[in-house]
């Protein structure tokens, strides 16, 4: 089950719309409430769930996180810098998890505008922008062309 919005909790702030990587969270023009326009396209990345200040969005838990027939409630607490997950199993048992909202200090990650434009050589490279520097390694591990030509044993 993809994300869904509790309409009684949603205040139409649009944080979920701004953060959704699939661009499938929208604000209903009549009710001014968020909704998922294409549930089948939901990545279930939990970005909207974490961004919602009203705790109005729920999503399915992954199989390694919660078994079938469960309920997952999320509580975002920016003042504490945490996000809490409460699982309620079919038999009524509860399990709680708490994680930091961020793993790096606020403002510690440079924005894209702060990096220099890539060189022509970098545009031809297989590396992503700012790799390996941003990963704090000297060089990315890679196979050489002659290693790629070897057959499967």
Protein backbone atom coordinates (compact mmCIF):
# COMPACT_ATOMS: atom_id res chain seq x y z
CA UNK A 1 0.00 0.00 0.00
CA UNK A 2 1.53 3.37 -0.95
CA UNK A 3 1.30 6.59 1.01
CA UNK A 4 -2.07 7.90 2.04
CA UNK A 5 -3.18 11.08 3.80
CA UNK A 6 -5.45 11.45 6.81
CA UNK A 7 -7.58 14.34 5.56
CA UNK A 8 -8.62 15.39 9.07
CA UNK A 9 -4.99 15.96 10.04
CA UNK A 10 -3.70 17.53 6.80
CA UNK A 11 -3.62 21.33 6.76
CA UNK A 12 -2.51 21.64 3.12
CA UNK A 13 0.94 23.09 3.94
CA UNK A 14 2.47 21.41 0.85
CA UNK A 15 5.69 20.12 2.44
CA UNK A 16 4.92 16.65 1.03
CA UNK A 17 4.40 18.12 -2.44
CA UNK A 18 7.74 19.94 -2.31
CA UNK A 19 9.76 16.91 -1.23
CA UNK A 20 8.16 14.05 -3.23
CA UNK A 21 10.76 12.70 -5.71
CA UNK A 22 8.02 11.14 -7.87
CA UNK A 23 5.98 14.38 -7.99
CA UNK A 24 2.84 12.42 -7.12
CA UNK A 25 1.81 14.23 -3.94
CA UNK A 26 -0.57 17.06 -4.85
CA UNK A 27 -2.87 19.50 -3.06
CA UNK A 28 -6.57 19.17 -3.89
CA UNK A 29 -7.71 22.58 -5.17
CA UNK A 30 -11.17 22.26 -3.59
CA UNK A 31 -10.37 20.83 -0.15
CA UNK A 32 -6.80 22.17 0.21
CA UNK A 33 -5.60 18.77 1.38
CA UNK A 34 -2.74 16.62 0.12
CA UNK A 35 -3.32 13.37 -1.75
CA UNK A 36 -1.33 10.84 -3.75
CA UNK A 37 -2.39 11.20 -7.41
CA UNK A 38 -0.72 7.98 -8.61
CA UNK A 39 -0.40 5.40 -5.80
CA UNK A 40 1.14 2.78 -8.11
CA UNK A 41 4.06 5.11 -8.82
CA UNK A 42 4.90 5.72 -5.15
CA UNK A 43 8.52 4.84 -4.32
CA UNK A 44 7.60 4.46 -0.65
CA UNK A 45 10.68 6.48 0.21
CA UNK A 46 8.95 8.01 3.25
CA UNK A 47 10.12 11.53 2.30
CA UNK A 48 6.59 12.91 2.53
CA UNK A 49 5.94 11.02 5.76
CA UNK A 50 9.06 12.52 7.36
CA UNK A 51 8.36 16.02 6.02
CA UNK A 52 4.74 16.26 7.18
CA UNK A 53 4.56 18.53 10.25
CA UNK A 54 0.97 17.40 10.98
CA UNK A 55 1.80 13.66 11.05
CA UNK A 56 -0.96 13.23 8.46
CA UNK A 57 0.71 10.77 6.06
CA UNK A 58 1.16 7.03 6.52
CA UNK A 59 2.82 4.43 4.33
CA UNK A 60 3.21 0.68 4.21
CA UNK A 61 6.12 -0.75 6.17
CA UNK A 62 8.58 -2.93 4.28
CA UNK A 63 8.52 -6.69 4.88
CA UNK A 64 11.85 -6.60 6.74
CA UNK A 65 10.50 -3.82 8.95
CA UNK A 66 6.94 -4.98 9.64
CA UNK A 67 4.95 -8.09 8.71
CA UNK A 68 1.67 -8.11 6.81
CA UNK A 69 -1.40 -6.92 8.67
CA UNK A 70 0.39 -4.23 10.62
CA UNK A 71 -0.10 -0.52 11.14
CA UNK A 72 2.78 1.96 11.07
CA UNK A 73 2.43 5.41 12.61
CA UNK A 74 5.16 8.00 12.31
CA UNK A 75 5.81 10.86 14.70
CA UNK A 76 8.13 13.61 13.51
CA UNK A 77 9.58 15.71 16.32
CA UNK A 78 11.83 18.44 14.86
CA UNK A 79 12.40 20.08 18.24
CA UNK A 80 14.02 16.81 19.43
CA UNK A 81 15.52 16.11 15.99
CA UNK A 82 13.96 12.65 15.89
CA UNK A 83 11.44 10.61 13.97
CA UNK A 84 9.64 7.78 15.75
CA UNK A 85 8.00 4.74 14.17
CA UNK A 86 5.31 2.81 16.03
CA UNK A 87 4.39 -0.62 14.67
CA UNK A 88 1.16 -2.21 15.80
CA UNK A 89 1.00 -5.90 14.94
CA UNK A 90 -2.20 -7.83 14.19
CA UNK A 91 -2.13 -9.41 17.63
CA UNK A 92 -1.97 -5.98 19.33
CA UNK A 93 1.74 -5.99 20.22
CA UNK A 94 3.55 -2.68 19.70
CA UNK A 95 7.15 -1.96 18.79
CA UNK A 96 8.72 1.50 18.79
CA UNK A 97 11.76 2.79 16.92
CA UNK A 98 13.37 6.21 17.18
CA UNK A 99 15.94 7.63 14.76
CA UNK A 100 17.53 11.00 14.16
CA UNK A 101 15.84 12.96 11.37
CA UNK A 102 19.29 13.71 9.99
CA UNK A 103 22.59 11.94 10.38
CA UNK A 104 24.60 15.10 9.68
CA UNK A 105 24.38 18.50 11.39
CA UNK A 106 21.98 21.05 9.85
CA UNK A 107 23.80 23.20 7.28
CA UNK A 108 26.78 20.83 6.98
CA UNK A 109 25.94 19.68 3.44
CA UNK A 110 26.86 22.04 0.62
CA UNK A 111 24.16 22.90 -1.89
CA UNK A 112 24.66 22.24 -5.61
CA UNK A 113 25.31 25.95 -6.25
CA UNK A 114 28.33 25.89 -3.95
CA UNK A 115 30.19 23.36 -6.12
CA UNK A 116 32.21 24.33 -9.19
CA UNK A 117 30.77 23.43 -12.60
CA UNK A 118 32.03 20.05 -13.89
CA UNK A 119 34.84 19.98 -16.43
CA UNK A 120 34.46 18.46 -19.91
CA UNK A 121 36.43 15.41 -18.76
CA UNK A 122 34.12 14.98 -15.77
CA UNK A 123 31.08 15.01 -18.06
CA UNK A 124 32.53 12.02 -19.95
CA UNK A 125 33.24 10.10 -16.75
CA UNK A 126 31.07 7.35 -15.27
CA UNK A 127 31.36 8.96 -11.83
CA UNK A 128 28.52 10.95 -10.36
CA UNK A 129 28.98 14.61 -9.51
CA UNK A 130 31.62 15.19 -6.84
CA UNK A 131 32.60 11.53 -6.56
CA UNK A 132 34.90 10.37 -5.01
CA UNK A 133 35.56 13.62 -3.08
CA UNK A 134 32.14 13.70 -1.39
CA UNK A 135 32.61 10.06 -0.34
CA UNK A 136 35.95 10.92 1.31
CA UNK A 137 37.85 8.32 -0.69
CA UNK A 138 40.74 8.72 -3.10
CA UNK A 139 39.35 6.69 -5.99
CA UNK A 140 36.22 4.66 -6.70
CA UNK A 141 36.77 0.92 -7.15
CA UNK A 142 36.16 -0.10 -10.75
CA UNK A 143 36.77 -2.97 -13.13
CA UNK A 144 39.15 -2.43 -16.03
CA UNK A 145 37.91 -3.03 -19.59
CA UNK A 146 39.91 -6.29 -19.86
CA UNK A 147 38.23 -7.56 -16.66
CA UNK A 148 34.81 -6.91 -18.17
CA UNK A 149 35.61 -9.16 -21.14
CA UNK A 150 36.25 -12.24 -19.00
CA UNK A 151 33.66 -14.98 -19.28
CA UNK A 152 31.49 -16.24 -16.50
CA UNK A 153 33.02 -19.24 -14.73
